[in-house]
Amino acid sequence: MANTYINIGEVYHKQGDQQEAMKYFSLALKLQEDLEDQEGMAATYISMSGSRIAIQAI
């Protein structure tokens, strides 16, 4: 399920909707934290950083 949220977040990121992307990345991160999926969390943080950079550039 976390991967689905990440994929949805990536779609929003590519469409330029960084706020919506962050929403889905956060949902994925919550699931990964609950599962103690450190590798997944690391990948999600990387995705989140791309959206955060795009937000700051606005």
PDB file of N, CA and C in Angstrom:
ATOM      1  N   MET A   1       0.816  -1.189   0.000  1.00  0.00           N
ATOM      2  CA  MET A   1       0.000   0.000   0.000  1.00  0.00           C
ATOM      3  C   MET A   1       0.868   1.264   0.000  1.00  0.00           C
ATOM      4  N   ALA A   2       1.968   1.235   0.742  1.00  0.00           N
ATOM      5  CA  ALA A   2       2.860   2.391   0.782  1.00  0.00           C
ATOM      6  C   ALA A   2       3.389   2.705  -0.613  1.00  0.00           C
ATOM      7  N   ASN A   3       3.715   1.675  -1.381  1.00  0.00           N
ATOM      8  CA  ASN A   3       4.223   1.901  -2.739  1.00  0.00           C
ATOM      9  C   ASN A   3       3.176   2.575  -3.619  1.00  0.00           C
ATOM     10  N   THR A   4       1.916   2.241  -3.403  1.00  0.00           N
ATOM     11  CA  THR A   4       0.846   2.882  -4.162  1.00  0.00           C
ATOM     12  C   THR A   4       0.794   4.371  -3.846  1.00  0.00           C
ATOM     13  N   TYR A   5       0.893   4.703  -2.557  1.00  0.00           N
ATOM     14  CA  TYR A   5       0.907   6.119  -2.166  1.00  0.00           C
ATOM     15  C   TYR A   5       2.107   6.847  -2.779  1.00  0.00           C
ATOM     16  N   ILE A   6       3.258   6.196  -2.790  1.00  0.00           N
ATOM     17  CA  ILE A   6       4.446   6.815  -3.383  1.00  0.00           C
ATOM     18  C   ILE A   6       4.219   7.063  -4.872  1.00  0.00           C
ATOM     19  N   ASN A   7       3.660   6.085  -5.556  1.00  0.00           N
ATOM     20  CA  ASN A   7       3.404   6.243  -6.988  1.00  0.00           C
ATOM     21  C   ASN A   7       2.439   7.390  -7.261  1.00  0.00           C
ATOM     22  N   ILE A   8       1.387   7.487  -6.455  1.00  0.00           N
ATOM     23  CA  ILE A   8       0.436   8.588  -6.615  1.00  0.00           C
ATOM     24  C   ILE A   8       1.153   9.916  -6.347  1.00  0.00           C
ATOM     25  N   GLY A   9       1.964   9.944  -5.310  1.00  0.00           N
ATOM     26  CA  GLY A   9       2.733  11.149  -5.005  1.00  0.00           C
ATOM     27  C   GLY A   9       3.645  11.550  -6.149  1.00  0.00           C
ATOM     28  N   GLU A  10       4.276  10.575  -6.773  1.00  0.00           N
ATOM     29  CA  GLU A  10       5.164  10.866  -7.909  1.00  0.00           C
ATOM     30  C   GLU A  10       4.392  11.455  -9.084  1.00  0.00           C
ATOM     31  N   VAL A  11       3.181  10.960  -9.316  1.00  0.00           N
ATOM     32  CA  VAL A  11       2.354  11.513 -10.398  1.00  0.00           C
ATOM     33  C   VAL A  11       2.054  12.980 -10.119  1.00  0.00           C
ATOM     34  N   TYR A  12       1.626  13.280  -8.897  1.00  0.00           N
ATOM     35  CA  TYR A  12       1.353  14.674  -8.546  1.00  0.00           C
ATOM     36  C   TYR A  12       2.613  15.530  -8.653  1.00  0.00           C
ATOM     37  N   HIS A  13       3.732  14.979  -8.227  1.00  0.00           N
ATOM     38  CA  HIS A  13       5.003  15.717  -8.323  1.00  0.00           C
ATOM     39  C   HIS A  13       5.307  16.073  -9.782  1.00  0.00           C
ATOM     40  N   LYS A  14       5.161  15.113 -10.665  1.00  0.00           N
ATOM     41  CA  LYS A  14       5.453  15.350 -12.080  1.00  0.00           C
ATOM     42  C   LYS A  14       4.466  16.316 -12.710  1.00  0.00           C
ATOM     43  N   GLN A  15       3.242  16.390 -12.151  1.00  0.00           N
ATOM     44  CA  GLN A  15       2.240  17.329 -12.657  1.00  0.00           C
ATOM     45  C   GLN A  15       2.423  18.721 -12.059  1.00  0.00           C
ATOM     46  N   GLY A  16       3.353  18.841 -11.107  1.00  0.00           N
ATOM     47  CA  GLY A  16       3.633  20.143 -10.516  1.00  0.00           C
ATOM     48  C   GLY A  16       2.825  20.459  -9.271  1.00  0.00           C
ATOM     49  N   ASP A  17       2.038  19.507  -8.777  1.00  0.00           N
ATOM     50  CA  ASP A  17       1.229  19.717  -7.574  1.00  0.00           C
ATOM     51  C   ASP A  17       1.979  19.160  -6.365  1.00  0.00           C
ATOM     52  N   GLN A  18       2.923  19.956  -5.867  1.00  0.00           N
ATOM     53  CA  GLN A  18       3.820  19.481  -4.812  1.00  0.00           C
ATOM     54  C   GLN A  18       3.103  19.271  -3.474  1.00  0.00           C
ATOM     55  N   GLN A  19       2.111  20.098  -3.188  1.00  0.00           N
ATOM     56  CA  GLN A  19       1.385  19.945  -1.923  1.00  0.00           C
ATOM     57  C   GLN A  19       0.661  18.600  -1.877  1.00  0.00           C
ATOM     58  N   GLU A  20       0.017  18.243  -2.983  1.00  0.00           N
ATOM     59  CA  GLU A  20      -0.697  16.963  -3.051  1.00  0.00           C
ATOM     60  C   GLU A  20       0.300  15.806  -3.035  1.00  0.00           C
ATOM     61  N   ALA A  21       1.436  15.981  -3.693  1.00  0.00           N
ATOM     62  CA  ALA A  21       2.478  14.953  -3.678  1.00  0.00           C
ATOM     63  C   ALA A  21       2.946  14.695  -2.251  1.00  0.00           C
ATOM     64  N   MET A  22       3.182  15.767  -1.511  1.00  0.00           N
ATOM     65  CA  MET A  22       3.640  15.612  -0.124  1.00  0.00           C
ATOM     66  C   MET A  22       2.605  14.893   0.737  1.00  0.00           C
ATOM     67  N   LYS A  23       1.341  15.138   0.453  1.00  0.00           N
ATOM     68  CA  LYS A  23       0.271  14.456   1.195  1.00  0.00           C
ATOM     69  C   LYS A  23       0.406  12.936   1.037  1.00  0.00           C
ATOM     70  N   TYR A  24       0.595  12.493  -0.195  1.00  0.00           N
ATOM     71  CA  TYR A  24       0.699  11.052  -0.442  1.00  0.00           C
ATOM     72  C   TYR A  24       2.022  10.475   0.042  1.00  0.00           C
ATOM     73  N   PHE A  25       3.094  11.232  -0.074  1.00  0.00           N
ATOM     74  CA  PHE A  25       4.365  10.763   0.469  1.00  0.00           C
ATOM     75  C   PHE A  25       4.266  10.599   1.988  1.00  0.00           C
ATOM     76  N   SER A  26       3.562  11.504   2.631  1.00  0.00           N
ATOM     77  CA  SER A  26       3.386  11.420   4.090  1.00  0.00           C
ATOM     78  C   SER A  26       2.567  10.197   4.485  1.00  0.00           C
ATOM     79  N   LEU A  27       1.544   9.879   3.697  1.00  0.00           N
ATOM     80  CA  LEU A  27       0.756   8.678   3.968  1.00  0.00           C
ATOM     81  C   LEU A  27       1.628   7.423   3.847  1.00  0.00           C
ATOM     82  N   ALA A  28       2.462   7.398   2.815  1.00  0.00           N
ATOM     83  CA  ALA A  28       3.369   6.259   2.628  1.00  0.00           C
ATOM     84  C   ALA A  28       4.344   6.156   3.794  1.00  0.00           C
ATOM     85  N   LEU A  29       4.877   7.295   4.202  1.00  0.00           N
ATOM     86  CA  LEU A  29       5.853   7.302   5.286  1.00  0.00           C
ATOM     87  C   LEU A  29       5.250   6.776   6.582  1.00  0.00           C
ATOM     88  N   LYS A  30       4.015   7.152   6.858  1.00  0.00           N
ATOM     89  CA  LYS A  30       3.346   6.679   8.075  1.00  0.00           C
ATOM     90  C   LYS A  30       3.235   5.154   8.068  1.00  0.00           C
ATOM     91  N   LEU A  31       2.832   4.586   6.950  1.00  0.00           N
ATOM     92  CA  LEU A  31       2.735   3.128   6.851  1.00  0.00           C
ATOM     93  C   LEU A  31       4.105   2.469   7.026  1.00  0.00           C
ATOM     94  N   GLN A  32       5.114   3.055   6.397  1.00  0.00           N
ATOM     95  CA  GLN A  32       6.460   2.491   6.496  1.00  0.00           C
ATOM     96  C   GLN A  32       6.990   2.572   7.919  1.00  0.00           C
ATOM     97  N   GLU A  33       6.693   3.648   8.616  1.00  0.00           N
ATOM     98  CA  GLU A  33       7.109   3.765  10.014  1.00  0.00           C
ATOM     99  C   GLU A  33       6.441   2.688  10.855  1.00  0.00           C
ATOM    100  N   ASP A  34       5.146   2.476  10.627  1.00  0.00           N
ATOM    101  CA  ASP A  34       4.413   1.453  11.376  1.00  0.00           C
ATOM    102  C   ASP A  34       4.989   0.060  11.146  1.00  0.00           C
ATOM    103  N   LEU A  35       5.474  -0.176   9.921  1.00  0.00           N
ATOM    104  CA  LEU A  35       6.050  -1.475   9.564  1.00  0.00           C
ATOM    105  C   LEU A  35       7.554  -1.550   9.826  1.00  0.00           C
ATOM    106  N   GLU A  36       8.127  -0.437  10.297  1.00  0.00           N
ATOM    107  CA  GLU A  36       9.567  -0.342  10.524  1.00  0.00           C
ATOM    108  C   GLU A  36      10.361  -0.675   9.263  1.00  0.00           C
ATOM    109  N   ASP A  37       9.857  -0.195   8.141  1.00  0.00           N
ATOM    110  CA  ASP A  37      10.475  -0.407   6.829  1.00  0.00           C
ATOM    111  C   ASP A  37      11.472   0.718   6.566  1.00  0.00           C
ATOM    112  N   GLN A  38      12.683   0.551   7.070  1.00  0.00           N
ATOM    113  CA  GLN A  38      13.679   1.611   6.974  1.00  0.00           C
ATOM    114  C   GLN A  38      14.111   1.891   5.539  1.00  0.00           C
ATOM    115  N   GLU A  39      14.205   0.869   4.726  1.00  0.00           N
ATOM    116  CA  GLU A  39      14.590   1.064   3.324  1.00  0.00           C
ATOM    117  C   GLU A  39      13.503   1.846   2.589  1.00  0.00           C
ATOM    118  N   GLY A  40      12.261   1.489   2.830  1.00  0.00           N
ATOM    119  CA  GLY A  40      11.151   2.214   2.226  1.00  0.00           C
ATOM    120  C   GLY A  40      11.090   3.653   2.700  1.00  0.00           C
ATOM    121  N   MET A  41      11.344   3.861   3.994  1.00  0.00           N
ATOM    122  CA  MET A  41      11.344   5.208   4.542  1.00  0.00           C
ATOM    123  C   MET A  41      12.420   6.063   3.881  1.00  0.00           C
ATOM    124  N   ALA A  42      13.571   5.492   3.669  1.00  0.00           N
ATOM    125  CA  ALA A  42      14.663   6.230   3.029  1.00  0.00           C
ATOM    126  C   ALA A  42      14.260   6.661   1.622  1.00  0.00           C
ATOM    127  N   ALA A  43      13.653   5.760   0.869  1.00  0.00           N
ATOM    128  CA  ALA A  43      13.217   6.086  -0.493  1.00  0.00           C
ATOM    129  C   ALA A  43      12.140   7.166  -0.473  1.00  0.00           C
ATOM    130  N   THR A  44      11.245   7.103   0.500  1.00  0.00           N
ATOM    131  CA  THR A  44      10.181   8.106   0.597  1.00  0.00           C
ATOM    132  C   THR A  44      10.754   9.467   0.960  1.00  0.00           C
ATOM    133  N   TYR A  45      11.720   9.489   1.866  1.00  0.00           N
ATOM    134  CA  TYR A  45      12.361  10.769   2.208  1.00  0.00           C
ATOM    135  C   TYR A  45      13.025  11.401   0.987  1.00  0.00           C
ATOM    136  N   ILE A  46      13.601  10.586   0.131  1.00  0.00           N
ATOM    137  CA  ILE A  46      14.217  11.109  -1.095  1.00  0.00           C
ATOM    138  C   ILE A  46      13.150  11.725  -1.991  1.00  0.00           C
ATOM    139  N   SER A  47      12.020  11.036  -2.149  1.00  0.00           N
ATOM    140  CA  SER A  47      10.926  11.573  -2.954  1.00  0.00           C
ATOM    141  C   SER A  47      10.394  12.866  -2.351  1.00  0.00           C
ATOM    142  N   MET A  48      10.262  12.878  -1.025  1.00  0.00           N
ATOM    143  CA  MET A  48       9.761  14.072  -0.345  1.00  0.00           C
ATOM    144  C   MET A  48      10.710  15.251  -0.536  1.00  0.00           C
ATOM    145  N   SER A  49      11.994  14.980  -0.561  1.00  0.00           N
ATOM    146  CA  SER A  49      12.952  16.083  -0.697  1.00  0.00           C
ATOM    147  C   SER A  49      12.807  16.744  -2.069  1.00  0.00           C
ATOM    148  N   GLY A  50      12.519  15.965  -3.095  1.00  0.00           N
ATOM    149  CA  GLY A  50      12.309  16.552  -4.430  1.00  0.00           C
ATOM    150  C   GLY A  50      11.114  17.473  -4.449  1.00  0.00           C
ATOM    151  N   SER A  51      10.040  17.084  -3.796  1.00  0.00           N
ATOM    152  CA  SER A  51       8.851  17.941  -3.738  1.00  0.00           C
ATOM    153  C   SER A  51       9.097  19.159  -2.869  1.00  0.00           C
ATOM    154  N   ARG A  52       9.828  18.982  -1.786  1.00  0.00           N
ATOM    155  CA  ARG A  52      10.118  20.104  -0.895  1.00  0.00           C
ATOM    156  C   ARG A  52      10.978  21.148  -1.620  1.00  0.00           C
ATOM    157  N   ILE A  53      11.945  20.692  -2.395  1.00  0.00           N
ATOM    158  CA  ILE A  53      12.785  21.618  -3.162  1.00  0.00           C
ATOM    159  C   ILE A  53      11.928  22.379  -4.172  1.00  0.00           C
ATOM    160  N   ALA A  54      11.009  21.669  -4.821  1.00  0.00           N
ATOM    161  CA  ALA A  54      10.143  22.320  -5.810  1.00  0.00           C
ATOM    162  C   ALA A  54       9.233  23.346  -5.151  1.00  0.00           C
ATOM    163  N   ILE A  55       8.757  23.060  -3.955  1.00  0.00           N
ATOM    164  CA  ILE A  55       7.909  24.013  -3.218  1.00  0.00           C
ATOM    165  C   ILE A  55       8.705  25.267  -2.894  1.00  0.00           C
ATOM    166  N   GLN A  56       9.935  25.095  -2.440  1.00  0.00           N
ATOM    167  CA  GLN A  56      10.755  26.231  -2.058  1.00  0.00           C
ATOM    168  C   GLN A  56      11.144  27.096  -3.255  1.00  0.00           C
ATOM    169  N   ALA A  57      11.169  26.491  -4.427  1.00  0.00           N
ATOM    170  CA  ALA A  57      11.560  27.231  -5.627  1.00  0.00           C
ATOM    171  C   ALA A  57      10.430  28.135  -6.133  1.00  0.00           C
ATOM    172  N   ILE A  58       9.245  27.909  -5.634  1.00  0.00           N
ATOM    173  CA  ILE A  58       8.087  28.700  -6.091  1.00  0.00           C
ATOM    174  C   ILE A  58       8.134  30.083  -5.504  1.00  0.00           C
TER     175      ILE A  58
END
